[in-house]
Amino acid sequence: MIGYIEEVELKMQRLFERLSEKDRRCYAAIEAAKLSHGGTEYISKLFKIDPKTVRRGLAELELPEDPAPDRVRKKGVAAKT
């Protein structure tokens, strides 16, 4: 069986909710990579995100540097008009 115990999943979800959008992708990607086969599906269900988001995080982690280090959107923050 793939995955973590319920207590650990709850803590992971709490941490995930506190992260920025970019950090969420990267955290989800690292967790999926640790689990290997089936990890992307498991993590996307755990965090209620699209598997494409996890794959995007995996791709971003392959880059030697963050392409937009100063760009961070926080959940629920509206754009200025």
PDB file of N, CA and C in Angstrom:
ATOM      1  N   MET A   1       0.843  -1.198   0.000  1.00  0.00           N
ATOM      2  CA  MET A   1       0.000   0.000   0.000  1.00  0.00           C
ATOM      3  C   MET A   1       0.879   1.248   0.000  1.00  0.00           C
ATOM      4  N   ILE A   2       0.456   2.234  -0.758  1.00  0.00           N
ATOM      5  CA  ILE A   2       1.191   3.485  -0.874  1.00  0.00           C
ATOM      6  C   ILE A   2       0.532   4.536   0.021  1.00  0.00           C
ATOM      7  N   GLY A   3       1.340   5.374   0.652  1.00  0.00           N
ATOM      8  CA  GLY A   3       0.788   6.474   1.413  1.00  0.00           C
ATOM      9  C   GLY A   3       1.281   6.555   2.839  1.00  0.00           C
ATOM     10  N   TYR A   4       0.667   7.456   3.564  1.00  0.00           N
ATOM     11  CA  TYR A   4       1.036   7.753   4.938  1.00  0.00           C
ATOM     12  C   TYR A   4      -0.112   7.423   5.881  1.00  0.00           C
ATOM     13  N   ILE A   5       0.189   7.341   7.161  1.00  0.00           N
ATOM     14  CA  ILE A   5      -0.869   7.134   8.147  1.00  0.00           C
ATOM     15  C   ILE A   5      -1.705   8.412   8.259  1.00  0.00           C
ATOM     16  N   GLU A   6      -2.925   8.265   8.737  1.00  0.00           N
ATOM     17  CA  GLU A   6      -3.881   9.380   8.791  1.00  0.00           C
ATOM     18  C   GLU A   6      -3.339  10.588   9.563  1.00  0.00           C
ATOM     19  N   GLU A   7      -2.659  10.360  10.674  1.00  0.00           N
ATOM     20  CA  GLU A   7      -2.117  11.455  11.487  1.00  0.00           C
ATOM     21  C   GLU A   7      -1.093  12.278  10.701  1.00  0.00           C
ATOM     22  N   VAL A   8      -0.261  11.608   9.947  1.00  0.00           N
ATOM     23  CA  VAL A   8       0.740  12.300   9.134  1.00  0.00           C
ATOM     24  C   VAL A   8       0.063  13.043   7.985  1.00  0.00           C
ATOM     25  N   GLU A   9      -0.925  12.417   7.355  1.00  0.00           N
ATOM     26  CA  GLU A   9      -1.656  13.084   6.274  1.00  0.00           C
ATOM     27  C   GLU A   9      -2.283  14.390   6.751  1.00  0.00           C
ATOM     28  N   LEU A  10      -2.857  14.387   7.939  1.00  0.00           N
ATOM     29  CA  LEU A  10      -3.479  15.584   8.487  1.00  0.00           C
ATOM     30  C   LEU A  10      -2.457  16.703   8.668  1.00  0.00           C
ATOM     31  N   LYS A  11      -1.293  16.367   9.168  1.00  0.00           N
ATOM     32  CA  LYS A  11      -0.239  17.367   9.347  1.00  0.00           C
ATOM     33  C   LYS A  11       0.267  17.887   8.002  1.00  0.00           C
ATOM     34  N   MET A  12       0.376  16.992   7.041  1.00  0.00           N
ATOM     35  CA  MET A  12       0.794  17.403   5.701  1.00  0.00           C
ATOM     36  C   MET A  12      -0.218  18.373   5.098  1.00  0.00           C
ATOM     37  N   GLN A  13      -1.502  18.077   5.270  1.00  0.00           N
ATOM     38  CA  GLN A  13      -2.553  18.944   4.742  1.00  0.00           C
ATOM     39  C   GLN A  13      -2.531  20.314   5.419  1.00  0.00           C
ATOM     40  N   ARG A  14      -2.287  20.336   6.720  1.00  0.00           N
ATOM     41  CA  ARG A  14      -2.206  21.619   7.439  1.00  0.00           C
ATOM     42  C   ARG A  14      -1.045  22.459   6.918  1.00  0.00           C
ATOM     43  N   LEU A  15       0.089  21.828   6.728  1.00  0.00           N
ATOM     44  CA  LEU A  15       1.245  22.545   6.178  1.00  0.00           C
ATOM     45  C   LEU A  15       0.943  23.041   4.772  1.00  0.00           C
ATOM     46  N   PHE A  16       0.390  22.181   3.952  1.00  0.00           N
ATOM     47  CA  PHE A  16       0.077  22.520   2.563  1.00  0.00           C
ATOM     48  C   PHE A  16      -0.783  23.777   2.484  1.00  0.00           C
ATOM     49  N   GLU A  17      -1.771  23.892   3.352  1.00  0.00           N
ATOM     50  CA  GLU A  17      -2.676  25.046   3.348  1.00  0.00           C
ATOM     51  C   GLU A  17      -1.967  26.357   3.705  1.00  0.00           C
ATOM     52  N   ARG A  18      -0.858  26.278   4.390  1.00  0.00           N
ATOM     53  CA  ARG A  18      -0.122  27.479   4.818  1.00  0.00           C
ATOM     54  C   ARG A  18       0.869  27.979   3.782  1.00  0.00           C
ATOM     55  N   LEU A  19       1.118  27.192   2.753  1.00  0.00           N
ATOM     56  CA  LEU A  19       2.139  27.528   1.763  1.00  0.00           C
ATOM     57  C   LEU A  19       1.590  28.401   0.645  1.00  0.00           C
ATOM     58  N   SER A  20       2.494  29.101  -0.028  1.00  0.00           N
ATOM     59  CA  SER A  20       2.121  29.865  -1.219  1.00  0.00           C
ATOM     60  C   SER A  20       1.818  28.885  -2.345  1.00  0.00           C
ATOM     61  N   GLU A  21       1.239  29.366  -3.399  1.00  0.00           N
ATOM     62  CA  GLU A  21       0.877  28.520  -4.543  1.00  0.00           C
ATOM     63  C   GLU A  21       2.103  27.789  -5.101  1.00  0.00           C
ATOM     64  N   LYS A  22       3.191  28.512  -5.276  1.00  0.00           N
ATOM     65  CA  LYS A  22       4.423  27.930  -5.817  1.00  0.00           C
ATOM     66  C   LYS A  22       4.997  26.880  -4.865  1.00  0.00           C
ATOM     67  N   ASP A  23       5.023  27.214  -3.584  1.00  0.00           N
ATOM     68  CA  ASP A  23       5.546  26.271  -2.594  1.00  0.00           C
ATOM     69  C   ASP A  23       4.663  25.022  -2.488  1.00  0.00           C
ATOM     70  N   ARG A  24       3.370  25.181  -2.689  1.00  0.00           N
ATOM     71  CA  ARG A  24       2.455  24.035  -2.670  1.00  0.00           C
ATOM     72  C   ARG A  24       2.801  23.055  -3.783  1.00  0.00           C
ATOM     73  N   ARG A  25       3.026  23.601  -4.981  1.00  0.00           N
ATOM     74  CA  ARG A  25       3.386  22.736  -6.110  1.00  0.00           C
ATOM     75  C   ARG A  25       4.657  21.961  -5.814  1.00  0.00           C
ATOM     76  N   CYS A  26       5.645  22.666  -5.299  1.00  0.00           N
ATOM     77  CA  CYS A  26       6.932  22.020  -5.029  1.00  0.00           C
ATOM     78  C   CYS A  26       6.823  21.000  -3.901  1.00  0.00           C
ATOM     79  N   TYR A  27       6.101  21.318  -2.853  1.00  0.00           N
ATOM     80  CA  TYR A  27       5.924  20.380  -1.743  1.00  0.00           C
ATOM     81  C   TYR A  27       5.196  19.128  -2.218  1.00  0.00           C
ATOM     82  N   ALA A  28       4.125  19.326  -2.977  1.00  0.00           N
ATOM     83  CA  ALA A  28       3.374  18.196  -3.504  1.00  0.00           C
ATOM     84  C   ALA A  28       4.261  17.343  -4.408  1.00  0.00           C
ATOM     85  N   ALA A  29       5.078  17.991  -5.213  1.00  0.00           N
ATOM     86  CA  ALA A  29       5.966  17.268  -6.127  1.00  0.00           C
ATOM     87  C   ALA A  29       6.987  16.427  -5.367  1.00  0.00           C
ATOM     88  N   ILE A  30       7.566  16.981  -4.333  1.00  0.00           N
ATOM     89  CA  ILE A  30       8.556  16.237  -3.550  1.00  0.00           C
ATOM     90  C   ILE A  30       7.909  15.034  -2.874  1.00  0.00           C
ATOM     91  N   GLU A  31       6.730  15.231  -2.320  1.00  0.00           N
ATOM     92  CA  GLU A  31       6.035  14.115  -1.676  1.00  0.00           C
ATOM     93  C   GLU A  31       5.699  13.031  -2.696  1.00  0.00           C
ATOM     94  N   ALA A  32       5.255  13.423  -3.877  1.00  0.00           N
ATOM     95  CA  ALA A  32       4.936  12.444  -4.922  1.00  0.00           C
ATOM     96  C   ALA A  32       6.191  11.696  -5.356  1.00  0.00           C
ATOM     97  N   ALA A  33       7.301  12.402  -5.481  1.00  0.00           N
ATOM     98  CA  ALA A  33       8.552  11.766  -5.884  1.00  0.00           C
ATOM     99  C   ALA A  33       9.032  10.769  -4.831  1.00  0.00           C
ATOM    100  N   LYS A  34       8.824  11.080  -3.566  1.00  0.00           N
ATOM    101  CA  LYS A  34       9.226  10.160  -2.496  1.00  0.00           C
ATOM    102  C   LYS A  34       8.453   8.853  -2.574  1.00  0.00           C
ATOM    103  N   LEU A  35       7.210   8.930  -3.020  1.00  0.00           N
ATOM    104  CA  LEU A  35       6.359   7.747  -3.071  1.00  0.00           C
ATOM    105  C   LEU A  35       6.531   6.954  -4.363  1.00  0.00           C
ATOM    106  N   SER A  36       7.184   7.555  -5.347  1.00  0.00           N
ATOM    107  CA  SER A  36       7.453   6.890  -6.617  1.00  0.00           C
ATOM    108  C   SER A  36       6.162   6.515  -7.335  1.00  0.00           C
ATOM    109  N   HIS A  37       6.040   5.260  -7.793  1.00  0.00           N
ATOM    110  CA  HIS A  37       4.902   4.838  -8.607  1.00  0.00           C
ATOM    111  C   HIS A  37       3.571   5.040  -7.857  1.00  0.00           C
ATOM    112  N   GLY A  38       2.671   5.798  -8.479  1.00  0.00           N
ATOM    113  CA  GLY A  38       1.369   6.077  -7.871  1.00  0.00           C
ATOM    114  C   GLY A  38       1.376   7.288  -6.958  1.00  0.00           C
ATOM    115  N   GLY A  39       2.544   7.868  -6.749  1.00  0.00           N
ATOM    116  CA  GLY A  39       2.659   9.003  -5.841  1.00  0.00           C
ATOM    117  C   GLY A  39       1.910  10.238  -6.289  1.00  0.00           C
ATOM    118  N   THR A  40       1.931  10.517  -7.586  1.00  0.00           N
ATOM    119  CA  THR A  40       1.250  11.710  -8.102  1.00  0.00           C
ATOM    120  C   THR A  40      -0.250  11.632  -7.845  1.00  0.00           C
ATOM    121  N   GLU A  41      -0.848  10.492  -8.109  1.00  0.00           N
ATOM    122  CA  GLU A  41      -2.291  10.330  -7.879  1.00  0.00           C
ATOM    123  C   GLU A  41      -2.631  10.423  -6.392  1.00  0.00           C
ATOM    124  N   TYR A  42      -1.838   9.763  -5.573  1.00  0.00           N
ATOM    125  CA  TYR A  42      -2.079   9.769  -4.129  1.00  0.00           C
ATOM    126  C   TYR A  42      -1.992  11.193  -3.576  1.00  0.00           C
ATOM    127  N   ILE A  43      -0.944  11.909  -3.929  1.00  0.00           N
ATOM    128  CA  ILE A  43      -0.737  13.271  -3.413  1.00  0.00           C
ATOM    129  C   ILE A  43      -1.790  14.227  -3.962  1.00  0.00           C
ATOM    130  N   SER A  44      -2.153  14.084  -5.237  1.00  0.00           N
ATOM    131  CA  SER A  44      -3.168  14.984  -5.784  1.00  0.00           C
ATOM    132  C   SER A  44      -4.504  14.790  -5.071  1.00  0.00           C
ATOM    133  N   LYS A  45      -4.830  13.559  -4.698  1.00  0.00           N
ATOM    134  CA  LYS A  45      -6.066  13.306  -3.942  1.00  0.00           C
ATOM    135  C   LYS A  45      -5.942  13.819  -2.508  1.00  0.00           C
ATOM    136  N   LEU A  46      -4.792  13.610  -1.898  1.00  0.00           N
ATOM    137  CA  LEU A  46      -4.582  14.052  -0.520  1.00  0.00           C
ATOM    138  C   LEU A  46      -4.726  15.564  -0.391  1.00  0.00           C
ATOM    139  N   PHE A  47      -4.142  16.303  -1.334  1.00  0.00           N
ATOM    140  CA  PHE A  47      -4.169  17.764  -1.275  1.00  0.00           C
ATOM    141  C   PHE A  47      -5.301  18.380  -2.098  1.00  0.00           C
ATOM    142  N   LYS A  48      -6.099  17.513  -2.741  1.00  0.00           N
ATOM    143  CA  LYS A  48      -7.234  17.971  -3.556  1.00  0.00           C
ATOM    144  C   LYS A  48      -6.769  18.944  -4.646  1.00  0.00           C
ATOM    145  N   ILE A  49      -5.746  18.514  -5.383  1.00  0.00           N
ATOM    146  CA  ILE A  49      -5.222  19.305  -6.492  1.00  0.00           C
ATOM    147  C   ILE A  49      -5.168  18.422  -7.737  1.00  0.00           C
ATOM    148  N   ASP A  50      -5.066  19.060  -8.881  1.00  0.00           N
ATOM    149  CA  ASP A  50      -4.982  18.341 -10.145  1.00  0.00           C
ATOM    150  C   ASP A  50      -3.617  17.654 -10.266  1.00  0.00           C
ATOM    151  N   PRO A  51      -3.573  16.440 -10.774  1.00  0.00           N
ATOM    152  CA  PRO A  51      -2.284  15.775 -10.970  1.00  0.00           C
ATOM    153  C   PRO A  51      -1.327  16.587 -11.856  1.00  0.00           C
ATOM    154  N   LYS A  52      -1.890  17.402 -12.759  1.00  0.00           N
ATOM    155  CA  LYS A  52      -1.044  18.262 -13.600  1.00  0.00           C
ATOM    156  C   LYS A  52      -0.269  19.253 -12.745  1.00  0.00           C
ATOM    157  N   THR A  53      -0.850  19.681 -11.642  1.00  0.00           N
ATOM    158  CA  THR A  53      -0.167  20.612 -10.740  1.00  0.00           C
ATOM    159  C   THR A  53       1.050  19.935 -10.121  1.00  0.00           C
ATOM    160  N   VAL A  54       0.904  18.680  -9.750  1.00  0.00           N
ATOM    161  CA  VAL A  54       2.025  17.927  -9.182  1.00  0.00           C
ATOM    162  C   VAL A  54       3.111  17.757 -10.238  1.00  0.00           C
ATOM    163  N   ARG A  55       2.722  17.407 -11.457  1.00  0.00           N
ATOM    164  CA  ARG A  55       3.699  17.235 -12.536  1.00  0.00           C
ATOM    165  C   ARG A  55       4.402  18.549 -12.860  1.00  0.00           C
ATOM    166  N   ARG A  56       3.676  19.654 -12.786  1.00  0.00           N
ATOM    167  CA  ARG A  56       4.304  20.966 -13.017  1.00  0.00           C
ATOM    168  C   ARG A  56       5.340  21.239 -11.930  1.00  0.00           C
ATOM    169  N   GLY A  57       5.007  20.899 -10.688  1.00  0.00           N
ATOM    170  CA  GLY A  57       5.958  21.063  -9.594  1.00  0.00           C
ATOM    171  C   GLY A  57       7.202  20.214  -9.808  1.00  0.00           C
ATOM    172  N   LEU A  58       7.019  18.988 -10.273  1.00  0.00           N
ATOM    173  CA  LEU A  58       8.160  18.123 -10.564  1.00  0.00           C
ATOM    174  C   LEU A  58       9.050  18.744 -11.634  1.00  0.00           C
ATOM    175  N   ALA A  59       8.439  19.309 -12.674  1.00  0.00           N
ATOM    176  CA  ALA A  59       9.205  19.963 -13.739  1.00  0.00           C
ATOM    177  C   ALA A  59       9.941  21.192 -13.206  1.00  0.00           C
ATOM    178  N   GLU A  60       9.292  21.974 -12.360  1.00  0.00           N
ATOM    179  CA  GLU A  60       9.927  23.167 -11.792  1.00  0.00           C
ATOM    180  C   GLU A  60      11.124  22.795 -10.921  1.00  0.00           C
ATOM    181  N   LEU A  61      11.030  21.679 -10.236  1.00  0.00           N
ATOM    182  CA  LEU A  61      12.131  21.253  -9.371  1.00  0.00           C
ATOM    183  C   LEU A  61      13.345  20.785 -10.168  1.00  0.00           C
ATOM    184  N   GLU A  62      13.151  20.460 -11.430  1.00  0.00           N
ATOM    185  CA  GLU A  62      14.262  20.049 -12.288  1.00  0.00           C
ATOM    186  C   GLU A  62      15.095  21.243 -12.753  1.00  0.00           C
ATOM    187  N   LEU A  63      14.527  22.441 -12.686  1.00  0.00           N
ATOM    188  CA  LEU A  63      15.242  23.652 -13.117  1.00  0.00           C
ATOM    189  C   LEU A  63      16.326  23.997 -12.104  1.00  0.00           C
ATOM    190  N   PRO A  64      17.484  24.455 -12.580  1.00  0.00           N
ATOM    191  CA  PRO A  64      18.568  24.797 -11.650  1.00  0.00           C
ATOM    192  C   PRO A  64      18.241  26.010 -10.771  1.00  0.00           C
ATOM    193  N   GLU A  65      17.398  26.910 -11.270  1.00  0.00           N
ATOM    194  CA  GLU A  65      17.005  28.101 -10.515  1.00  0.00           C
ATOM    195  C   GLU A  65      15.515  28.359 -10.706  1.00  0.00           C
ATOM    196  N   ASP A  66      14.937  29.065  -9.759  1.00  0.00           N
ATOM    197  CA  ASP A  66      13.533  29.471  -9.850  1.00  0.00           C
ATOM    198  C   ASP A  66      13.423  30.540 -10.942  1.00  0.00           C
ATOM    199  N   PRO A  67      12.624  30.315 -11.990  1.00  0.00           N
ATOM    200  CA  PRO A  67      12.524  31.293 -13.074  1.00  0.00           C
ATOM    201  C   PRO A  67      11.849  32.607 -12.663  1.00  0.00           C
ATOM    202  N   ALA A  68      11.093  32.609 -11.597  1.00  0.00           N
ATOM    203  CA  ALA A  68      10.418  33.824 -11.116  1.00  0.00           C
ATOM    204  C   ALA A  68      10.486  33.852  -9.590  1.00  0.00           C
ATOM    205  N   PRO A  69      11.677  34.089  -9.025  1.00  0.00           N
ATOM    206  CA  PRO A  69      11.837  33.979  -7.572  1.00  0.00           C
ATOM    207  C   PRO A  69      11.013  34.987  -6.757  1.00  0.00           C
ATOM    208  N   ASP A  70      10.700  36.128  -7.339  1.00  0.00           N
ATOM    209  CA  ASP A  70       9.965  37.156  -6.602  1.00  0.00           C
ATOM    210  C   ASP A  70       8.463  37.092  -6.835  1.00  0.00           C
ATOM    211  N   ARG A  71       8.037  36.182  -7.676  1.00  0.00           N
ATOM    212  CA  ARG A  71       6.615  36.092  -7.983  1.00  0.00           C
ATOM    213  C   ARG A  71       5.963  35.037  -7.108  1.00  0.00           C
ATOM    214  N   VAL A  72       5.115  35.494  -6.190  1.00  0.00           N
ATOM    215  CA  VAL A  72       4.417  34.593  -5.296  1.00  0.00           C
ATOM    216  C   VAL A  72       2.989  35.109  -5.121  1.00  0.00           C
ATOM    217  N   ARG A  73       2.029  34.228  -5.426  1.00  0.00           N
ATOM    218  CA  ARG A  73       0.626  34.583  -5.199  1.00  0.00           C
ATOM    219  C   ARG A  73       0.158  33.852  -3.964  1.00  0.00           C
ATOM    220  N   LYS A  74      -0.532  34.556  -3.126  1.00  0.00           N
ATOM    221  CA  LYS A  74      -1.099  33.934  -1.947  1.00  0.00           C
ATOM    222  C   LYS A  74      -2.553  33.592  -2.211  1.00  0.00           C
ATOM    223  N   LYS A  75      -3.028  32.523  -1.599  1.00  0.00           N
ATOM    224  CA  LYS A  75      -4.392  32.066  -1.787  1.00  0.00           C
ATOM    225  C   LYS A  75      -5.382  33.155  -1.371  1.00  0.00           C
ATOM    226  N   GLY A  76      -6.312  33.464  -2.272  1.00  0.00           N
ATOM    227  CA  GLY A  76      -7.377  34.401  -1.951  1.00  0.00           C
ATOM    228  C   GLY A  76      -7.006  35.862  -2.085  1.00  0.00           C
ATOM    229  N   VAL A  77      -5.845  36.157  -2.613  1.00  0.00           N
ATOM    230  CA  VAL A  77      -5.439  37.551  -2.784  1.00  0.00           C
ATOM    231  C   VAL A  77      -5.867  38.021  -4.161  1.00  0.00           C
ATOM    232  N   ALA A  78      -6.681  39.063  -4.200  1.00  0.00           N
ATOM    233  CA  ALA A  78      -7.176  39.588  -5.470  1.00  0.00           C
ATOM    234  C   ALA A  78      -6.129  40.494  -6.105  1.00  0.00           C
ATOM    235  N   ALA A  79      -6.131  40.523  -7.421  1.00  0.00           N
ATOM    236  CA  ALA A  79      -5.209  41.388  -8.156  1.00  0.00           C
ATOM    237  C   ALA A  79      -5.646  42.838  -8.016  1.00  0.00           C
ATOM    238  N   LYS A  80      -4.663  43.737  -8.012  1.00  0.00           N
ATOM    239  CA  LYS A  80      -4.982  45.172  -7.931  1.00  0.00           C
ATOM    240  C   LYS A  80      -5.499  45.633  -9.275  1.00  0.00           C
ATOM    241  N   THR A  81      -6.474  46.542  -9.248  1.00  0.00           N
ATOM    242  CA  THR A  81      -7.027  47.063 -10.496  1.00  0.00           C
ATOM    243  C   THR A  81      -6.654  48.491 -10.696  1.00  0.00           C
TER     244      THR A  81
END
